[in-house]
Amino acid sequence: MHPHLHTKDNMACEEVMTALEECHARGFLWKSMGMCNDAKDQVTLCLRAERLKRTAKNREAAKAKREKIQKAWADIDANS
């Protein structure tokens, strides 16, 4: 399973997602015979790469926020 495809977080995968949708539009037999598996694998890899980028960005933001809070508590402890 994959998340909703067309969101602001997945704009870098737009081309790959369009290829998958075009493959699925060819019909049920095309999908059921595994003809879209390569396109699906590419979408999965692209979405994973985008998720890892977001995760790293969020981790850095959380680290900066945590450091700011720890500094504030250190200042409070030093002044008490």
Protein backbone atom coordinates (compact mmCIF):
# COMPACT_ATOMS: atom_id res chain seq x y z
CA MET A 1 0.00 0.00 0.00
CA HIS A 2 1.05 3.54 -0.59
CA PRO A 3 -0.30 6.87 0.65
CA HIS A 4 -2.41 9.18 -1.44
CA LEU A 5 -0.31 9.84 -4.50
CA HIS A 6 -1.09 13.38 -5.52
CA THR A 7 -0.15 15.47 -2.49
CA LYS A 8 2.23 18.35 -1.98
CA ASP A 9 4.75 16.00 -0.38
CA ASN A 10 4.97 13.79 -3.45
CA MET A 11 5.45 16.35 -6.19
CA ALA A 12 8.89 14.94 -7.07
CA CYS A 13 7.23 11.62 -7.98
CA GLU A 14 4.61 13.11 -10.27
CA GLU A 15 6.12 11.69 -13.47
CA VAL A 16 6.40 8.16 -12.08
CA MET A 17 2.87 8.28 -10.67
CA THR A 18 1.50 9.41 -14.02
CA ALA A 19 3.21 6.46 -15.71
CA LEU A 20 1.55 4.09 -13.21
CA GLU A 21 -1.87 5.66 -13.77
CA GLU A 22 -1.44 5.36 -17.54
CA CYS A 23 -0.54 1.72 -17.12
CA HIS A 24 -3.60 1.10 -14.95
CA ALA A 25 -5.77 2.91 -17.50
CA ARG A 26 -4.89 0.25 -20.10
CA GLY A 27 -7.32 -2.11 -18.43
CA PHE A 28 -7.81 -4.88 -15.96
CA LEU A 29 -5.94 -7.58 -17.86
CA TRP A 30 -2.92 -5.35 -18.21
CA LYS A 31 -2.82 -4.86 -14.43
CA SER A 32 -3.69 -8.44 -13.52
CA MET A 33 -0.93 -9.90 -15.70
CA GLY A 34 1.67 -7.87 -13.84
CA MET A 35 2.46 -5.47 -16.65
CA CYS A 36 2.35 -2.51 -14.24
CA ASN A 37 4.66 -4.01 -11.62
CA ASP A 38 7.73 -2.08 -12.80
CA ALA A 39 5.85 1.21 -12.66
CA LYS A 40 4.51 0.32 -9.20
CA ASP A 41 8.02 -0.51 -7.99
CA GLN A 42 9.28 2.84 -9.26
CA VAL A 43 6.46 4.67 -7.46
CA THR A 44 7.24 2.80 -4.26
CA LEU A 45 10.95 3.65 -4.47
CA CYS A 46 10.24 7.30 -5.22
CA LEU A 47 7.72 7.65 -2.38
CA ARG A 48 10.15 5.98 0.01
CA ALA A 49 12.91 8.40 -0.98
CA GLU A 50 10.59 11.36 -0.44
CA ARG A 51 9.49 9.99 2.93
CA LEU A 52 13.11 9.57 4.03
CA LYS A 53 13.82 13.19 3.06
CA ARG A 54 10.83 14.39 5.09
CA THR A 55 11.88 12.22 8.03
CA ALA A 56 15.41 13.64 8.03
CA LYS A 57 14.06 17.19 7.81
CA ASN A 58 11.61 16.58 10.67
CA ARG A 59 14.35 14.97 12.77
CA GLU A 60 16.59 18.01 12.33
CA ALA A 61 13.75 20.37 13.23
CA ALA A 62 12.95 18.33 16.34
CA LYS A 63 16.61 18.29 17.34
CA ALA A 64 16.84 22.08 17.01
CA LYS A 65 13.64 22.53 19.01
CA ARG A 66 14.85 20.14 21.71
CA GLU A 67 18.17 22.01 21.98
CA LYS A 68 16.32 25.31 22.29
CA ILE A 69 14.13 23.93 25.07
CA GLN A 70 17.10 22.43 26.90
CA LYS A 71 18.92 25.77 26.68
CA ALA A 72 15.88 27.57 28.06
CA TRP A 73 15.67 25.13 30.99
CA ALA A 74 19.40 25.48 31.63
CA ASP A 75 18.97 29.27 31.75
CA ILE A 76 16.05 28.90 34.17
CA ASP A 77 18.03 26.54 36.37
CA ALA A 78 21.06 28.85 36.33
CA ASN A 79 18.99 31.88 37.32
CA SER A 80 17.00 30.17 40.08
